[in-house]
């Protein structure tokens, strides 16, 4: 092969190689990029229901199962007493209820005051609080049970327990907890009173023992003072404890509330 033919041959090879490289680049563009990896951290499932307050949209969770949230609790009272709540009930500031922005209505939640370790159980029947940093608005009764009335706010933990249903108890329709099998089964009791003087706690316990068993007195050291709490009943489910609470309230012990042991 003479010099001129060799040069032409090399030139043709370069053209073909360049065309193949360009073709490969175009060919690659026809394929979509690899799909993104799915996140491994589960996210709350939304129900598709939403509402708008002050220009902000809030999405309601499809289920409360496994819900836990820490944040600031507040309470609302006389100015809202008697008004309609989000689920159509009339707000009763002496009922054990609460407002939450995204939990399904009629969810039972355990609220723990992280500042004094007091806890109680309330039912979500309203929406709110629509104040930055706050996660739950308690009724006055709920705030009283947690020691939030005076300060107005407190750091709390909100834990979903189940949903509310209706049941006939002693001839009256009452709200009870509807739980999946073996869900939130544990030890619960009803606190009827709390006293700085042990003698006052013993006097109340004596009255209660005429009609209820067991009745116990638990000492609680808050750091700056010791309180003597009077407890009635030992329930294995929240539903049983709530029925006992309703019975005690009916007999005049209106400050009774459920606690976990």
Protein backbone atom coordinates (compact mmCIF):
# COMPACT_ATOMS: atom_id res chain seq x y z
CA UNK A 1 0.00 0.00 0.00
CA UNK A 2 1.52 3.29 -1.12
CA UNK A 3 1.77 6.30 1.12
CA UNK A 4 -1.26 8.09 -0.38
CA UNK A 5 -3.57 5.07 0.09
CA UNK A 6 -2.31 4.51 3.64
CA UNK A 7 -3.10 8.11 4.54
CA UNK A 8 -6.61 7.84 3.07
CA UNK A 9 -7.22 4.56 4.93
CA UNK A 10 -6.23 6.09 8.28
CA UNK A 11 -8.44 9.10 7.59
CA UNK A 12 -11.46 6.84 6.97
CA UNK A 13 -10.80 4.92 10.21
CA UNK A 14 -10.81 8.18 12.18
CA UNK A 15 -14.12 9.27 10.61
CA UNK A 16 -15.78 5.92 11.42
CA UNK A 17 -14.47 5.95 14.99
CA UNK A 18 -15.73 9.49 15.52
CA UNK A 19 -19.15 8.61 14.15
CA UNK A 20 -19.41 5.60 16.46
CA UNK A 21 -18.48 7.72 19.47
CA UNK A 22 -21.08 10.33 18.58
CA UNK A 23 -23.63 7.61 17.93
CA UNK A 24 -22.98 6.07 21.33
CA UNK A 25 -23.55 9.43 22.98
CA UNK A 26 -26.88 9.86 21.22
CA UNK A 27 -27.86 6.27 21.96
CA UNK A 28 -27.31 6.70 25.69
CA UNK A 29 -29.64 9.68 25.81
CA UNK A 30 -32.57 7.52 24.71
CA UNK A 31 -32.52 5.61 28.00
CA UNK A 32 -34.00 7.17 31.15
CA UNK A 33 -31.74 7.58 34.15
CA UNK A 34 -31.92 5.00 36.94
CA UNK A 35 -34.98 5.60 39.14
CA UNK A 36 -34.20 7.15 42.53
CA UNK A 37 -33.78 4.81 45.48
CA UNK A 38 -36.88 4.63 47.69
CA UNK A 39 -36.33 6.19 51.13
CA UNK A 40 -35.98 3.60 53.87
CA UNK A 41 -37.56 5.77 56.58
CA UNK A 42 -41.36 5.30 56.63
CA UNK A 43 -43.45 8.44 56.35
CA UNK A 44 -46.93 8.95 57.82
CA UNK A 45 -49.72 7.96 55.44
CA UNK A 46 -52.15 10.77 54.67
CA UNK A 47 -55.89 10.27 54.41
CA UNK A 48 -56.43 12.64 51.49
CA UNK A 49 -58.48 14.89 53.78
CA UNK A 50 -57.22 18.38 54.43
CA UNK A 51 -58.35 21.77 55.70
CA UNK A 52 -57.02 25.32 55.56
CA UNK A 53 -56.54 27.65 58.53
CA UNK A 54 -55.03 31.13 58.14
CA UNK A 55 -53.86 30.28 54.63
CA UNK A 56 -52.04 27.09 55.64
CA UNK A 57 -53.21 23.63 54.57
CA UNK A 58 -53.12 20.76 57.08
CA UNK A 59 -53.33 17.11 55.95
CA UNK A 60 -55.06 14.61 58.24
CA UNK A 61 -53.31 11.28 58.87
CA UNK A 62 -55.06 8.15 57.59
CA UNK A 63 -54.18 6.27 60.78
CA UNK A 64 -52.95 7.14 64.25
CA UNK A 65 -51.18 3.80 64.67
CA UNK A 66 -47.70 4.26 66.14
CA UNK A 67 -48.01 8.05 66.35
CA UNK A 68 -45.69 9.72 68.90
CA UNK A 69 -44.97 13.46 69.06
CA UNK A 70 -43.11 15.72 71.48
CA UNK A 71 -43.83 19.41 71.75
CA UNK A 72 -45.60 22.14 73.64
CA UNK A 73 -49.10 21.68 75.08
CA UNK A 74 -51.53 24.47 75.91
CA UNK A 75 -55.17 24.50 76.98
CA UNK A 76 -58.39 26.30 76.08
CA UNK A 77 -61.34 26.92 78.35
CA UNK A 78 -64.23 29.31 79.08
CA UNK A 79 -64.06 31.32 75.84
CA UNK A 80 -64.70 28.15 73.82
CA UNK A 81 -67.00 26.27 76.22
CA UNK A 82 -70.19 25.20 74.45
CA UNK A 83 -68.92 25.89 70.94
CA UNK A 84 -68.96 23.22 68.26
CA UNK A 85 -65.80 21.15 67.90
CA UNK A 86 -64.40 19.74 64.66
CA UNK A 87 -66.31 16.45 65.06
CA UNK A 88 -69.63 18.20 65.72
CA UNK A 89 -69.71 17.85 69.51
CA UNK A 90 -70.12 20.78 71.89
CA UNK A 91 -66.85 21.63 73.59
CA UNK A 92 -66.98 20.76 77.28
CA UNK A 93 -63.96 22.14 79.08
CA UNK A 94 -64.51 19.65 81.93
CA UNK A 95 -64.38 16.61 79.62
CA UNK A 96 -61.13 14.78 78.95
CA UNK A 97 -60.66 15.94 75.36
CA UNK A 98 -58.05 17.69 73.23
CA UNK A 99 -57.42 19.37 69.90
CA UNK A 100 -54.77 18.19 67.44
CA UNK A 101 -53.96 19.41 63.94
CA UNK A 102 -53.51 16.13 62.06
CA UNK A 103 -54.56 13.08 64.12
CA UNK A 104 -57.85 11.45 63.06
CA UNK A 105 -60.76 12.75 65.12
CA UNK A 106 -61.85 10.49 68.01
CA UNK A 107 -58.32 9.17 68.55
CA UNK A 108 -57.47 8.42 72.17
CA UNK A 109 -54.03 9.72 73.11
CA UNK A 110 -51.86 9.44 76.20
CA UNK A 111 -50.32 12.81 77.04
CA UNK A 112 -47.30 12.89 79.37
CA UNK A 113 -46.09 16.12 80.95
CA UNK A 114 -42.33 15.83 80.50
CA UNK A 115 -41.73 18.45 83.18
CA UNK A 116 -43.44 16.62 86.07
CA UNK A 117 -44.04 13.09 84.67
CA UNK A 118 -47.81 13.32 85.14
CA UNK A 119 -49.85 11.65 82.43
CA UNK A 120 -53.47 11.30 81.38
CA UNK A 121 -55.61 10.05 78.51
CA UNK A 122 -57.78 12.32 76.37
CA UNK A 123 -59.83 12.01 73.19
CA UNK A 124 -59.12 14.20 70.15
CA UNK A 125 -62.39 15.85 69.11
CA UNK A 126 -61.19 19.20 67.76
CA UNK A 127 -58.54 20.83 65.57
CA UNK A 128 -55.67 23.01 66.77
CA UNK A 129 -53.63 24.55 68.27
CA UNK A 130 -52.76 26.84 65.37
CA UNK A 131 -49.84 28.45 67.19
CA UNK A 132 -46.28 27.78 66.08
CA UNK A 133 -44.49 25.21 68.22
CA UNK A 134 -47.60 23.84 69.96
CA UNK A 135 -48.72 20.27 69.27
CA UNK A 136 -51.85 19.77 71.39
CA UNK A 137 -54.55 21.91 73.00
CA UNK A 138 -56.00 20.33 76.15
CA UNK A 139 -59.38 20.84 77.72
CA UNK A 140 -59.32 22.46 81.15
CA UNK A 141 -59.86 19.05 82.75
CA UNK A 142 -56.96 17.58 80.79
CA UNK A 143 -54.73 20.53 81.66
CA UNK A 144 -55.64 20.18 85.33
CA UNK A 145 -54.74 16.49 85.30
CA UNK A 146 -51.31 17.26 83.86
CA UNK A 147 -50.57 20.30 86.01
CA UNK A 148 -50.70 22.70 83.06
CA UNK A 149 -53.46 25.04 84.30
CA UNK A 150 -51.15 27.41 86.18
CA UNK A 151 -48.22 27.64 83.77
CA UNK A 152 -50.51 27.59 80.71
CA UNK A 153 -48.07 25.50 78.65
CA UNK A 154 -45.76 22.53 79.20
CA UNK A 155 -43.48 20.20 77.25
CA UNK A 156 -45.39 16.98 76.59
CA UNK A 157 -45.30 13.70 74.70
CA UNK A 158 -48.43 12.68 72.75
CA UNK A 159 -48.88 8.94 72.05
CA UNK A 160 -51.81 7.57 70.07
CA UNK A 161 -53.59 4.61 71.70
CA UNK A 162 -56.62 3.82 69.54
CA UNK A 163 -59.91 5.26 68.30
CA UNK A 164 -63.15 6.01 70.11
CA UNK A 165 -66.44 4.19 69.71
CA UNK A 166 -69.79 4.14 71.52
CA UNK A 167 -70.89 1.59 74.09
CA UNK A 168 -73.83 1.32 76.49
CA UNK A 169 -72.53 1.48 80.06
CA UNK A 170 -75.00 1.33 82.96
CA UNK A 171 -77.84 2.36 80.66
CA UNK A 172 -75.98 5.32 79.16
CA UNK A 173 -74.13 5.69 75.84
CA UNK A 174 -70.50 6.53 76.54
CA UNK A 175 -67.32 6.89 74.50
CA UNK A 176 -65.01 3.90 74.90
CA UNK A 177 -61.69 2.92 73.39
CA UNK A 178 -61.78 0.63 70.35
CA UNK A 179 -58.49 -1.22 70.18
CA UNK A 180 -56.96 -3.81 67.88
CA UNK A 181 -56.24 -7.13 69.60
CA UNK A 182 -53.52 -6.80 72.26
CA UNK A 183 -53.00 -3.13 71.44
CA UNK A 184 -51.92 -0.96 74.38
CA UNK A 185 -52.78 -3.63 76.92
CA UNK A 186 -51.06 -2.89 80.20
CA UNK A 187 -51.68 -1.66 83.72
CA UNK A 188 -53.96 1.32 84.25
CA UNK A 189 -55.61 2.92 87.24
CA UNK A 190 -57.79 5.94 88.04
CA UNK A 191 -56.40 8.79 90.11
CA UNK A 192 -59.11 10.32 92.30
CA UNK A 193 -57.09 12.81 94.33
CA UNK A 194 -53.60 14.12 95.11
CA UNK A 195 -52.62 15.68 98.45
CA UNK A 196 -49.60 17.17 100.17
CA UNK A 197 -50.90 15.91 103.51
CA UNK A 198 -50.86 12.12 103.75
CA UNK A 199 -53.71 12.18 106.28
CA UNK A 200 -56.01 13.73 103.65
CA UNK A 201 -55.10 11.00 101.18
CA UNK A 202 -55.79 8.33 103.81
CA UNK A 203 -59.18 9.88 104.59
CA UNK A 204 -60.22 9.80 100.92
CA UNK A 205 -58.90 6.26 100.51
CA UNK A 206 -60.99 5.17 103.51
CA UNK A 207 -64.15 6.59 101.92
CA UNK A 208 -63.43 4.94 98.60
CA UNK A 209 -62.72 1.50 100.10
CA UNK A 210 -66.37 1.28 101.17
CA UNK A 211 -67.33 0.88 97.50
CA UNK A 212 -64.15 0.12 95.53
CA UNK A 213 -61.25 -2.32 95.60
CA UNK A 214 -58.34 -2.03 95.37
CA UNK A 215 -57.63 1.49 96.61
CA UNK A 216 -53.98 2.47 96.99
CA UNK A 217 -51.92 5.52 97.96
CA UNK A 218 -48.82 6.29 95.89
CA UNK A 219 -46.21 8.81 97.04
CA UNK A 220 -44.85 11.03 94.26
CA UNK A 221 -41.73 13.13 94.87
CA UNK A 222 -41.86 16.12 92.54
CA UNK A 223 -38.53 17.42 93.79
CA UNK A 224 -39.86 20.43 95.66
CA UNK A 225 -42.68 18.55 97.42
CA UNK A 226 -44.12 15.06 97.97
CA UNK A 227 -47.68 14.37 96.87
CA UNK A 228 -49.85 11.43 97.95
CA UNK A 229 -51.98 10.17 95.10
CA UNK A 230 -55.11 8.10 95.67
CA UNK A 231 -55.66 5.43 93.00
CA UNK A 232 -58.69 3.20 92.44
CA UNK A 233 -58.85 -0.05 90.46
CA UNK A 234 -56.30 -2.05 88.51
CA UNK A 235 -57.36 -2.28 84.86
CA UNK A 236 -55.66 -4.30 82.12
CA UNK A 237 -57.01 -2.16 79.27
CA UNK A 238 -57.67 1.53 78.80
CA UNK A 239 -61.32 0.78 78.08
CA UNK A 240 -61.81 -0.80 81.52
CA UNK A 241 -60.08 2.12 83.22
CA UNK A 242 -62.23 4.67 81.37
CA UNK A 243 -65.38 2.86 82.48
CA UNK A 244 -64.20 3.08 86.09
CA UNK A 245 -63.44 6.78 85.63
CA UNK A 246 -66.99 7.36 84.35
CA UNK A 247 -68.43 5.49 87.34
CA UNK A 248 -66.40 7.55 89.81
CA UNK A 249 -67.38 10.83 88.15
CA UNK A 250 -71.04 9.81 88.27
CA UNK A 251 -70.70 9.37 92.05
CA UNK A 252 -69.24 12.84 92.53
CA UNK A 253 -65.49 12.29 92.12
CA UNK A 254 -65.30 14.73 89.22
CA UNK A 255 -61.51 15.18 89.30
CA UNK A 256 -60.87 11.51 88.47
CA UNK A 257 -58.71 10.63 85.47
CA UNK A 258 -56.96 7.58 84.02
CA UNK A 259 -53.21 7.05 84.40
CA UNK A 260 -50.87 4.32 83.22
CA UNK A 261 -48.87 2.49 85.88
